[in-house]
PDB file of N, CA and C in Angstrom:
ATOM      1  N   MET A   1      16.321-107.865 -30.790  1.00  0.00           N
ATOM      2  CA  MET A   1      15.000-108.449 -30.720  1.00  0.00           C
ATOM      3  C   MET A   1      15.170-109.954 -30.404  1.00  0.00           C
ATOM      4  N   PRO A   2      14.535-110.440 -29.366  1.00  0.00           N
ATOM      5  CA  PRO A   2      14.672-111.847 -28.999  1.00  0.00           C
ATOM      6  C   PRO A   2      14.188-112.801 -30.100  1.00  0.00           C
ATOM      7  N   LEU A   3      14.764-113.983 -30.116  1.00  0.00           N
ATOM      8  CA  LEU A   3      14.441-114.985 -31.136  1.00  0.00           C
ATOM      9  C   LEU A   3      12.941-115.263 -31.213  1.00  0.00           C
ATOM     10  N   LEU A   4      12.300-115.436 -30.067  1.00  0.00           N
ATOM     11  CA  LEU A   4      10.879-115.777 -30.084  1.00  0.00           C
ATOM     12  C   LEU A   4      10.012-114.644 -30.687  1.00  0.00           C
ATOM     13  N   GLN A   5      10.422-113.407 -30.468  1.00  0.00           N
ATOM     14  CA  GLN A   5       9.700-112.286 -31.087  1.00  0.00           C
ATOM     15  C   GLN A   5       9.929-112.280 -32.589  1.00  0.00           C
ATOM     16  N   GLN A   6      11.152-112.616 -33.020  1.00  0.00           N
ATOM     17  CA  GLN A   6      11.427-112.707 -34.450  1.00  0.00           C
ATOM     18  C   GLN A   6      10.557-113.791 -35.096  1.00  0.00           C
ATOM     19  N   LEU A   7      10.369-114.898 -34.384  1.00  0.00           N
ATOM     20  CA  LEU A   7       9.531-115.975 -34.907  1.00  0.00           C
ATOM     21  C   LEU A   7       8.080-115.531 -35.039  1.00  0.00           C
ATOM     22  N   ASP A   8       7.597-114.760 -34.073  1.00  0.00           N
ATOM     23  CA  ASP A   8       6.239-114.227 -34.172  1.00  0.00           C
ATOM     24  C   ASP A   8       6.115-113.319 -35.402  1.00  0.00           C
ATOM     25  N   ASN A   9       7.126-112.471 -35.613  1.00  0.00           N
ATOM     26  CA  ASN A   9       7.115-111.585 -36.781  1.00  0.00           C
ATOM     27  C   ASN A   9       7.153-112.384 -38.077  1.00  0.00           C
ATOM     28  N   PHE A  10       7.926-113.460 -38.086  1.00  0.00           N
ATOM     29  CA  PHE A  10       8.001-114.310 -39.289  1.00  0.00           C
ATOM     30  C   PHE A  10       6.647-114.952 -39.576  1.00  0.00           C
ATOM     31  N   ALA A  11       5.940-115.370 -38.545  1.00  0.00           N
ATOM     32  CA  ALA A  11       4.621-115.984 -38.741  1.00  0.00           C
ATOM     33  C   ALA A  11       3.669-115.007 -39.437  1.00  0.00           C
ATOM     34  N   VAL A  12       3.727-113.740 -39.035  1.00  0.00           N
ATOM     35  CA  VAL A  12       2.877-112.720 -39.669  1.00  0.00           C
ATOM     36  C   VAL A  12       3.294-112.520 -41.117  1.00  0.00           C
ATOM     37  N   THR A  13       4.604-112.408 -41.348  1.00  0.00           N
ATOM     38  CA  THR A  13       5.127-112.234 -42.711  1.00  0.00           C
ATOM     39  C   THR A  13       4.789-113.426 -43.585  1.00  0.00           C
ATOM     40  N   ARG A  14       4.905-114.627 -43.023  1.00  0.00           N
ATOM     41  CA  ARG A  14       4.601-115.843 -43.787  1.00  0.00           C
ATOM     42  C   ARG A  14       3.144-115.853 -44.225  1.00  0.00           C
ATOM     43  N   ALA A  15       2.245-115.462 -43.333  1.00  0.00           N
ATOM     44  CA  ALA A  15       0.814-115.411 -43.673  1.00  0.00           C
ATOM     45  C   ALA A  15       0.553-114.426 -44.809  1.00  0.00           C
ATOM     46  N   GLU A  16       1.229-113.268 -44.760  1.00  0.00           N
ATOM     47  CA  GLU A  16       1.071-112.276 -45.815  1.00  0.00           C
ATOM     48  C   GLU A  16       1.613-112.801 -47.147  1.00  0.00           C
ATOM     49  N   MET A  17       2.754-113.495 -47.077  1.00  0.00           N
ATOM     50  CA  MET A  17       3.348-114.057 -48.294  1.00  0.00           C
ATOM     51  C   MET A  17       2.450-115.128 -48.897  1.00  0.00           C
ATOM     52  N   GLN A  18       1.808-115.919 -48.043  1.00  0.00           N
ATOM     53  CA  GLN A  18       0.940-116.977 -48.542  1.00  0.00           C
ATOM     54  C   GLN A  18      -0.262-116.389 -49.284  1.00  0.00           C
ATOM     55  N   LEU A  19      -0.770-115.260 -48.785  1.00  0.00           N
ATOM     56  CA  LEU A  19      -1.878-114.599 -49.484  1.00  0.00           C
ATOM     57  C   LEU A  19      -1.478-114.151 -50.879  1.00  0.00           C
ATOM     58  N   LYS A  20      -0.238-113.670 -51.006  1.00  0.00           N
ATOM     59  CA  LYS A  20       0.224-113.162 -52.305  1.00  0.00           C
ATOM     60  C   LYS A  20       0.698-114.262 -53.242  1.00  0.00           C
ATOM     61  N   LEU A  21       1.402-115.257 -52.703  1.00  0.00           N
ATOM     62  CA  LEU A  21       2.011-116.281 -53.557  1.00  0.00           C
ATOM     63  C   LEU A  21       1.195-117.557 -53.698  1.00  0.00           C
ATOM     64  N   GLY A  22       0.367-117.834 -52.718  1.00  0.00           N
ATOM     65  CA  GLY A  22      -0.317-119.117 -52.660  1.00  0.00           C
ATOM     66  C   GLY A  22       0.507-120.104 -51.848  1.00  0.00           C
ATOM     67  N   ARG A  23      -0.157-121.108 -51.333  1.00  0.00           N
ATOM     68  CA  ARG A  23       0.483-122.052 -50.425  1.00  0.00           C
ATOM     69  C   ARG A  23       1.613-122.846 -51.100  1.00  0.00           C
ATOM     70  N   HIS A  24       1.355-123.389 -52.270  1.00  0.00           N
ATOM     71  CA  HIS A  24       2.344-124.235 -52.930  1.00  0.00           C
ATOM     72  C   HIS A  24       3.611-123.449 -53.276  1.00  0.00           C
ATOM     73  N   GLU A  25       3.444-122.281 -53.870  1.00  0.00           N
ATOM     74  CA  GLU A  25       4.617-121.474 -54.252  1.00  0.00           C
ATOM     75  C   GLU A  25       5.400-121.017 -53.031  1.00  0.00           C
ATOM     76  N   LEU A  26       4.700-120.670 -51.951  1.00  0.00           N
ATOM     77  CA  LEU A  26       5.383-120.257 -50.731  1.00  0.00           C
ATOM     78  C   LEU A  26       6.180-121.411 -50.133  1.00  0.00           C
ATOM     79  N   GLU A  27       5.587-122.596 -50.080  1.00  0.00           N
ATOM     80  CA  GLU A  27       6.300-123.762 -49.546  1.00  0.00           C
ATOM     81  C   GLU A  27       7.556-124.056 -50.366  1.00  0.00           C
ATOM     82  N   GLU A  28       7.458-123.924 -51.667  1.00  0.00           N
ATOM     83  CA  GLU A  28       8.608-124.127 -52.556  1.00  0.00           C
ATOM     84  C   GLU A  28       9.694-123.097 -52.245  1.00  0.00           C
ATOM     85  N   LEU A  29       9.298-121.841 -52.110  1.00  0.00           N
ATOM     86  CA  LEU A  29      10.250-120.770 -51.819  1.00  0.00           C
ATOM     87  C   LEU A  29      10.936-120.989 -50.472  1.00  0.00           C
ATOM     88  N   LEU A  30      10.155-121.293 -49.448  1.00  0.00           N
ATOM     89  CA  LEU A  30      10.716-121.481 -48.106  1.00  0.00           C
ATOM     90  C   LEU A  30      11.648-122.682 -48.054  1.00  0.00           C
ATOM     91  N   SER A  31      11.318-123.738 -48.780  1.00  0.00           N
ATOM     92  CA  SER A  31      12.161-124.940 -48.752  1.00  0.00           C
ATOM     93  C   SER A  31      13.526-124.691 -49.399  1.00  0.00           C
ATOM     94  N   LYS A  32      13.624-123.692 -50.263  1.00  0.00           N
ATOM     95  CA  LYS A  32      14.892-123.361 -50.925  1.00  0.00           C
ATOM     96  C   LYS A  32      15.650-122.237 -50.214  1.00  0.00           C
ATOM     97  N   SER A  33      15.006-121.578 -49.272  1.00  0.00           N
ATOM     98  CA  SER A  33      15.605-120.419 -48.594  1.00  0.00           C
ATOM     99  C   SER A  33      16.549-120.865 -47.478  1.00  0.00           C
ATOM    100  N   LEU A  34      17.577-120.057 -47.233  1.00  0.00           N
ATOM    101  CA  LEU A  34      18.500-120.286 -46.143  1.00  0.00           C
ATOM    102  C   LEU A  34      18.104-119.376 -44.976  1.00  0.00           C
ATOM    103  N   PHE A  35      17.847-119.951 -43.833  1.00  0.00           N
ATOM    104  CA  PHE A  35      17.456-119.205 -42.641  1.00  0.00           C
ATOM    105  C   PHE A  35      18.650-119.061 -41.719  1.00  0.00           C
ATOM    106  N   LEU A  36      19.087-117.828 -41.503  1.00  0.00           N
ATOM    107  CA  LEU A  36      20.197-117.545 -40.608  1.00  0.00           C
ATOM    108  C   LEU A  36      19.645-117.255 -39.224  1.00  0.00           C
ATOM    109  N   ILE A  37      20.151-117.953 -38.235  1.00  0.00           N
ATOM    110  CA  ILE A  37      19.693-117.764 -36.864  1.00  0.00           C
ATOM    111  C   ILE A  37      20.871-117.215 -36.075  1.00  0.00           C
ATOM    112  N   SER A  38      20.703-116.027 -35.551  1.00  0.00           N
ATOM    113  CA  SER A  38      21.746-115.388 -34.764  1.00  0.00           C
ATOM    114  C   SER A  38      21.294-115.347 -33.307  1.00  0.00           C
ATOM    115  N   ILE A  39      22.087-115.898 -32.443  1.00  0.00           N
ATOM    116  CA  ILE A  39      21.780-115.862 -31.023  1.00  0.00           C
ATOM    117  C   ILE A  39      22.580-114.722 -30.437  1.00  0.00           C
ATOM    118  N   GLY A  40      21.883-113.741 -29.924  1.00  0.00           N
ATOM    119  CA  GLY A  40      22.568-112.567 -29.429  1.00  0.00           C
ATOM    120  C   GLY A  40      22.288-112.282 -27.976  1.00  0.00           C
ATOM    121  N   ASN A  41      22.639-111.068 -27.601  1.00  0.00           N
ATOM    122  CA  ASN A  41      22.527-110.673 -26.199  1.00  0.00           C
ATOM    123  C   ASN A  41      21.097-110.734 -25.676  1.00  0.00           C
ATOM    124  N   TRP A  42      20.111-110.413 -26.509  1.00  0.00           N
ATOM    125  CA  TRP A  42      18.739-110.448 -26.015  1.00  0.00           C
ATOM    126  C   TRP A  42      18.330-111.862 -25.616  1.00  0.00           C
ATOM    127  N   ASP A  43      18.786-112.826 -26.371  1.00  0.00           N
ATOM    128  CA  ASP A  43      18.449-114.213 -26.061  1.00  0.00           C
ATOM    129  C   ASP A  43      19.140-114.693 -24.803  1.00  0.00           C
ATOM    130  N   LEU A  44      20.263-114.100 -24.482  1.00  0.00           N
ATOM    131  CA  LEU A  44      21.025-114.503 -23.299  1.00  0.00           C
ATOM    132  C   LEU A  44      20.896-113.507 -22.149  1.00  0.00           C
ATOM    133  N   HIS A  45      20.022-112.510 -22.313  1.00  0.00           N
ATOM    134  CA  HIS A  45      19.893-111.448 -21.300  1.00  0.00           C
ATOM    135  C   HIS A  45      19.553-112.011 -19.927  1.00  0.00           C
ATOM    136  N   HIS A  46      18.695-112.999 -19.879  1.00  0.00           N
ATOM    137  CA  HIS A  46      18.305-113.574 -18.583  1.00  0.00           C
ATOM    138  C   HIS A  46      19.523-114.122 -17.863  1.00  0.00           C
ATOM    139  N   ALA A  47      20.387-114.826 -18.585  1.00  0.00           N
ATOM    140  CA  ALA A  47      21.595-115.374 -17.976  1.00  0.00           C
ATOM    141  C   ALA A  47      22.504-114.256 -17.462  1.00  0.00           C
ATOM    142  N   TRP A  48      22.649-113.189 -18.261  1.00  0.00           N
ATOM    143  CA  TRP A  48      23.464-112.057 -17.838  1.00  0.00           C
ATOM    144  C   TRP A  48      22.882-111.421 -16.578  1.00  0.00           C
ATOM    145  N   TRP A  49      21.580-111.252 -16.564  1.00  0.00           N
ATOM    146  CA  TRP A  49      20.921-110.629 -15.413  1.00  0.00           C
ATOM    147  C   TRP A  49      21.149-111.438 -14.148  1.00  0.00           C
ATOM    148  N   LEU A  50      21.048-112.768 -14.259  1.00  0.00           N
ATOM    149  CA  LEU A  50      21.296-113.617 -13.095  1.00  0.00           C
ATOM    150  C   LEU A  50      22.707-113.417 -12.571  1.00  0.00           C
ATOM    151  N   GLN A  51      23.689-113.391 -13.472  1.00  0.00           N
ATOM    152  CA  GLN A  51      25.066-113.187 -13.041  1.00  0.00           C
ATOM    153  C   GLN A  51      25.257-111.811 -12.427  1.00  0.00           C
ATOM    154  N   ASN A  52      24.616-110.824 -13.005  1.00  0.00           N
ATOM    155  CA  ASN A  52      24.794-109.448 -12.565  1.00  0.00           C
ATOM    156  C   ASN A  52      24.294-109.237 -11.136  1.00  0.00           C
ATOM    157  N   ILE A  53      23.286-109.993 -10.726  1.00  0.00           N
ATOM    158  CA  ILE A  53      22.793-109.843  -9.355  1.00  0.00           C
ATOM    159  C   ILE A  53      23.378-110.916  -8.434  1.00  0.00           C
ATOM    160  N   GLY A  54      24.371-111.650  -8.935  1.00  0.00           N
ATOM    161  CA  GLY A  54      25.099-112.586  -8.097  1.00  0.00           C
ATOM    162  C   GLY A  54      24.557-113.997  -8.042  1.00  0.00           C
ATOM    163  N   ILE A  55      23.610-114.321  -8.888  1.00  0.00           N
ATOM    164  CA  ILE A  55      23.055-115.678  -8.914  1.00  0.00           C
ATOM    165  C   ILE A  55      23.858-116.493  -9.926  1.00  0.00           C
ATOM    166  N   LYS A  56      24.291-117.662  -9.524  1.00  0.00           N
ATOM    167  CA  LYS A  56      25.127-118.506 -10.386  1.00  0.00           C
ATOM    168  C   LYS A  56      24.362-118.945 -11.635  1.00  0.00           C
ATOM    169  N   PHE A  57      25.025-118.826 -12.766  1.00  0.00           N
ATOM    170  CA  PHE A  57      24.493-119.303 -14.055  1.00  0.00           C
ATOM    171  C   PHE A  57      24.808-120.787 -14.123  1.00  0.00           C
ATOM    172  N   ASP A  58      23.809-121.630 -13.988  1.00  0.00           N
ATOM    173  CA  ASP A  58      24.085-123.061 -13.903  1.00  0.00           C
ATOM    174  C   ASP A  58      23.601-123.817 -15.138  1.00  0.00           C
ATOM    175  N   GLN A  59      23.732-125.126 -15.098  1.00  0.00           N
ATOM    176  CA  GLN A  59      23.386-125.981 -16.233  1.00  0.00           C
ATOM    177  C   GLN A  59      21.928-125.829 -16.638  1.00  0.00           C
ATOM    178  N   ALA A  60      21.037-125.586 -15.672  1.00  0.00           N
ATOM    179  CA  ALA A  60      19.611-125.422 -15.993  1.00  0.00           C
ATOM    180  C   ALA A  60      19.419-124.211 -16.902  1.00  0.00           C
ATOM    181  N   ASP A  61      20.188-123.146 -16.687  1.00  0.00           N
ATOM    182  CA  ASP A  61      20.070-121.959 -17.517  1.00  0.00           C
ATOM    183  C   ASP A  61      20.575-122.233 -18.935  1.00  0.00           C
ATOM    184  N   VAL A  62      21.663-122.976 -19.032  1.00  0.00           N
ATOM    185  CA  VAL A  62      22.199-123.360 -20.347  1.00  0.00           C
ATOM    186  C   VAL A  62      21.150-124.187 -21.080  1.00  0.00           C
ATOM    187  N   GLN A  63      20.521-125.112 -20.392  1.00  0.00           N
ATOM    188  CA  GLN A  63      19.487-125.953 -20.997  1.00  0.00           C
ATOM    189  C   GLN A  63      18.293-125.105 -21.434  1.00  0.00           C
ATOM    190  N   SER A  64      17.953-124.082 -20.662  1.00  0.00           N
ATOM    191  CA  SER A  64      16.844-123.208 -21.025  1.00  0.00           C
ATOM    192  C   SER A  64      17.145-122.463 -22.326  1.00  0.00           C
ATOM    193  N   VAL A  65      18.353-121.923 -22.460  1.00  0.00           N
ATOM    194  CA  VAL A  65      18.749-121.238 -23.673  1.00  0.00           C
ATOM    195  C   VAL A  65      18.732-122.207 -24.866  1.00  0.00           C
ATOM    196  N   ALA A  66      19.293-123.403 -24.648  1.00  0.00           N
ATOM    197  CA  ALA A  66      19.313-124.418 -25.718  1.00  0.00           C
ATOM    198  C   ALA A  66      17.899-124.836 -26.107  1.00  0.00           C
ATOM    199  N   SER A  67      17.015-124.998 -25.129  1.00  0.00           N
ATOM    200  CA  SER A  67      15.631-125.372 -25.409  1.00  0.00           C
ATOM    201  C   SER A  67      14.935-124.306 -26.220  1.00  0.00           C
ATOM    202  N   SER A  68      15.215-123.043 -25.919  1.00  0.00           N
ATOM    203  CA  SER A  68      14.615-121.939 -26.655  1.00  0.00           C
ATOM    204  C   SER A  68      15.071-121.964 -28.122  1.00  0.00           C
ATOM    205  N   LEU A  69      16.358-122.227 -28.328  1.00  0.00           N
ATOM    206  CA  LEU A  69      16.886-122.316 -29.691  1.00  0.00           C
ATOM    207  C   LEU A  69      16.252-123.480 -30.443  1.00  0.00           C
ATOM    208  N   ILE A  70      16.144-124.635 -29.792  1.00  0.00           N
ATOM    209  CA  ILE A  70      15.541-125.808 -30.425  1.00  0.00           C
ATOM    210  C   ILE A  70      14.079-125.517 -30.792  1.00  0.00           C
ATOM    211  N   ALA A  71      13.357-124.882 -29.882  1.00  0.00           N
ATOM    212  CA  ALA A  71      11.950-124.545 -30.153  1.00  0.00           C
ATOM    213  C   ALA A  71      11.851-123.594 -31.335  1.00  0.00           C
ATOM    214  N   GLY A  72      12.780-122.642 -31.430  1.00  0.00           N
ATOM    215  CA  GLY A  72      12.784-121.701 -32.545  1.00  0.00           C
ATOM    216  C   GLY A  72      13.033-122.382 -33.872  1.00  0.00           C
ATOM    217  N   VAL A  73      14.022-123.270 -33.915  1.00  0.00           N
ATOM    218  CA  VAL A  73      14.326-123.997 -35.146  1.00  0.00           C
ATOM    219  C   VAL A  73      13.147-124.879 -35.538  1.00  0.00           C
ATOM    220  N   LYS A  74      12.535-125.537 -34.564  1.00  0.00           N
ATOM    221  CA  LYS A  74      11.374-126.395 -34.852  1.00  0.00           C
ATOM    222  C   LYS A  74      10.215-125.572 -35.411  1.00  0.00           C
ATOM    223  N   ALA A  75       9.991-124.388 -34.834  1.00  0.00           N
ATOM    224  CA  ALA A  75       8.908-123.524 -35.326  1.00  0.00           C
ATOM    225  C   ALA A  75       9.167-123.119 -36.783  1.00  0.00           C
ATOM    226  N   LEU A  76      10.416-122.788 -37.107  1.00  0.00           N
ATOM    227  CA  LEU A  76      10.740-122.454 -38.500  1.00  0.00           C
ATOM    228  C   LEU A  76      10.569-123.664 -39.410  1.00  0.00           C
ATOM    229  N   TYR A  77      10.992-124.819 -38.942  1.00  0.00           N
ATOM    230  CA  TYR A  77      10.846-126.049 -39.738  1.00  0.00           C
ATOM    231  C   TYR A  77       9.351-126.335 -39.993  1.00  0.00           C
ATOM    232  N   ASP A  78       8.553-126.196 -38.957  1.00  0.00           N
ATOM    233  CA  ASP A  78       7.111-126.419 -39.097  1.00  0.00           C
ATOM    234  C   ASP A  78       6.470-125.412 -40.056  1.00  0.00           C
ATOM    235  N   ALA A  79       7.109-124.230 -40.185  1.00  0.00           N
ATOM    236  CA  ALA A  79       6.584-123.212 -41.097  1.00  0.00           C
ATOM    237  C   ALA A  79       7.093-123.409 -42.523  1.00  0.00           C
ATOM    238  N   GLY A  80       7.943-124.413 -42.741  1.00  0.00           N
ATOM    239  CA  GLY A  80       8.392-124.717 -44.087  1.00  0.00           C
ATOM    240  C   GLY A  80       9.879-124.539 -44.352  1.00  0.00           C
ATOM    241  N   ALA A  81      10.609-123.992 -43.396  1.00  0.00           N
ATOM    242  CA  ALA A  81      12.045-123.805 -43.570  1.00  0.00           C
ATOM    243  C   ALA A  81      12.756-125.158 -43.545  1.00  0.00           C
ATOM    244  N   ARG A  82      13.786-125.301 -44.373  1.00  0.00           N
ATOM    245  CA  ARG A  82      14.525-126.562 -44.417  1.00  0.00           C
ATOM    246  C   ARG A  82      16.025-126.391 -44.320  1.00  0.00           C
ATOM    247  N   LYS A  83      16.535-125.190 -44.572  1.00  0.00           N
ATOM    248  CA  LYS A  83      17.978-124.942 -44.543  1.00  0.00           C
ATOM    249  C   LYS A  83      18.281-123.909 -43.462  1.00  0.00           C
ATOM    250  N   PHE A  84      19.180-124.274 -42.554  1.00  0.00           N
ATOM    251  CA  PHE A  84      19.483-123.412 -41.408  1.00  0.00           C
ATOM    252  C   PHE A  84      20.985-123.208 -41.255  1.00  0.00           C
ATOM    253  N   ARG A  85      21.344-122.074 -40.727  1.00  0.00           N
ATOM    254  CA  ARG A  85      22.717-121.801 -40.309  1.00  0.00           C
ATOM    255  C   ARG A  85      22.608-120.959 -39.032  1.00  0.00           C
ATOM    256  N   VAL A  86      23.251-121.439 -37.961  1.00  0.00           N
ATOM    257  CA  VAL A  86      23.285-120.697 -36.707  1.00  0.00           C
ATOM    258  C   VAL A  86      24.601-119.949 -36.666  1.00  0.00           C
ATOM    259  N   ILE A  87      24.507-118.626 -36.490  1.00  0.00           N
ATOM    260  CA  ILE A  87      25.692-117.773 -36.534  1.00  0.00           C
ATOM    261  C   ILE A  87      25.769-116.920 -35.271  1.00  0.00           C
ATOM    262  N   ASP A  88      26.934-116.366 -35.016  1.00  0.00           N
ATOM    263  CA  ASP A  88      27.159-115.380 -33.946  1.00  0.00           C
ATOM    264  C   ASP A  88      26.732-115.864 -32.557  1.00  0.00           C
ATOM    265  N   VAL A  89      27.006-117.100 -32.228  1.00  0.00           N
ATOM    266  CA  VAL A  89      26.628-117.602 -30.907  1.00  0.00           C
ATOM    267  C   VAL A  89      27.692-117.171 -29.907  1.00  0.00           C
ATOM    268  N   PRO A  90      27.318-116.317 -28.930  1.00  0.00           N
ATOM    269  CA  PRO A  90      28.292-115.900 -27.935  1.00  0.00           C
ATOM    270  C   PRO A  90      28.542-117.019 -26.925  1.00  0.00           C
ATOM    271  N   LEU A  91      29.615-116.899 -26.188  1.00  0.00           N
ATOM    272  CA  LEU A  91      29.931-117.880 -25.157  1.00  0.00           C
ATOM    273  C   LEU A  91      28.895-117.810 -24.045  1.00  0.00           C
ATOM    274  N   LEU A  92      28.332-118.945 -23.681  1.00  0.00           N
ATOM    275  CA  LEU A  92      27.359-118.971 -22.594  1.00  0.00           C
ATOM    276  C   LEU A  92      28.067-118.762 -21.269  1.00  0.00           C
ATOM    277  N   GLY A  93      27.484-117.918 -20.422  1.00  0.00           N
ATOM    278  CA  GLY A  93      28.036-117.689 -19.110  1.00  0.00           C
ATOM    279  C   GLY A  93      29.164-116.682 -19.075  1.00  0.00           C
ATOM    280  N   VAL A  94      29.465-116.056 -20.203  1.00  0.00           N
ATOM    281  CA  VAL A  94      30.540-115.066 -20.251  1.00  0.00           C
ATOM    282  C   VAL A  94      29.940-113.734 -20.654  1.00  0.00           C
ATOM    283  N   ARG A  95      30.142-112.715 -19.824  1.00  0.00           N
ATOM    284  CA  ARG A  95      29.628-111.389 -20.129  1.00  0.00           C
ATOM    285  C   ARG A  95      30.670-110.580 -20.872  1.00  0.00           C
ATOM    286  N   ARG A  96      30.217-109.827 -21.845  1.00  0.00           N
ATOM    287  CA  ARG A  96      31.099-108.858 -22.467  1.00  0.00           C
ATOM    288  C   ARG A  96      31.063-107.600 -21.606  1.00  0.00           C
ATOM    289  N   PRO A  97      32.174-106.871 -21.549  1.00  0.00           N
ATOM    290  CA  PRO A  97      32.162-105.625 -20.792  1.00  0.00           C
ATOM    291  C   PRO A  97      31.149-104.650 -21.402  1.00  0.00           C
ATOM    292  N   THR A  98      30.415-103.981 -20.572  1.00  0.00           N
ATOM    293  CA  THR A  98      29.442-102.998 -21.060  1.00  0.00           C
ATOM    294  C   THR A  98      29.656-101.670 -20.354  1.00  0.00           C
ATOM    295  N   THR A  99      29.221-100.638 -20.978  1.00  0.00           N
ATOM    296  CA  THR A  99      29.257 -99.325 -20.382  1.00  0.00           C
ATOM    297  C   THR A  99      27.857 -98.979 -19.920  1.00  0.00           C
ATOM    298  N   THR A 100      27.707 -98.651 -18.672  1.00  0.00           N
ATOM    299  CA  THR A 100      26.396 -98.289 -18.171  1.00  0.00           C
ATOM    300  C   THR A 100      26.268 -96.793 -18.130  1.00  0.00           C
ATOM    301  N   ILE A 101      25.043 -96.312 -18.026  1.00  0.00           N
ATOM    302  CA  ILE A 101      24.802 -94.874 -17.922  1.00  0.00           C
ATOM    303  C   ILE A 101      25.483 -94.340 -16.674  1.00  0.00           C
ATOM    304  N   ARG A 102      25.499 -95.116 -15.615  1.00  0.00           N
ATOM    305  CA  ARG A 102      26.164 -94.670 -14.388  1.00  0.00           C
ATOM    306  C   ARG A 102      27.633 -94.422 -14.643  1.00  0.00           C
ATOM    307  N   ASN A 103      28.300 -95.299 -15.401  1.00  0.00           N
ATOM    308  CA  ASN A 103      29.728 -95.101 -15.710  1.00  0.00           C
ATOM    309  C   ASN A 103      29.951 -93.836 -16.518  1.00  0.00           C
ATOM    310  N   ILE A 104      29.058 -93.531 -17.418  1.00  0.00           N
ATOM    311  CA  ILE A 104      29.218 -92.375 -18.285  1.00  0.00           C
ATOM    312  C   ILE A 104      29.123 -91.079 -17.505  1.00  0.00           C
ATOM    313  N   PHE A 105      28.186 -91.003 -16.566  1.00  0.00           N
ATOM    314  CA  PHE A 105      27.931 -89.757 -15.858  1.00  0.00           C
ATOM    315  C   PHE A 105      28.606 -89.686 -14.488  1.00  0.00           C
ATOM    316  N   ASP A 106      29.280 -90.710 -14.076  1.00  0.00           N
ATOM    317  CA  ASP A 106      29.945 -90.718 -12.768  1.00  0.00           C
ATOM    318  C   ASP A 106      31.258 -89.954 -12.875  1.00  0.00           C
ATOM    319  N   THR A 107      31.342 -88.810 -12.222  1.00  0.00           N
ATOM    320  CA  THR A 107      32.541 -87.969 -12.306  1.00  0.00           C
ATOM    321  C   THR A 107      33.380 -88.040 -11.033  1.00  0.00           C
ATOM    322  N   THR A 108      33.037 -88.940 -10.129  1.00  0.00           N
ATOM    323  CA  THR A 108      33.817 -89.019  -8.884  1.00  0.00           C
ATOM    324  C   THR A 108      35.072 -89.823  -9.056  1.00  0.00           C
TER     325      THR A 108
END
């Protein structure tokens, strides 16, 4: 699930938590919570797709991925998060080998 979709889901969850806990108690809880941010294949799918069709992955694409991460962290901060850890960041511009359906069923 892409980071931005996770943030949308968190906004819904946060609203539900505020109804149950109240604003002050929720802000206290969020300020003490550790938010783990994992950047995975979905977040980098666009870069992979560009490489896969032969388009060079350039600095603008790296900046786009970085901007998305910054926007995500800012959105969490604005929602009350104060402690962050970014984990599992894959190498930008490097594809992991994948098995496609074509490879599985190709008997030639």
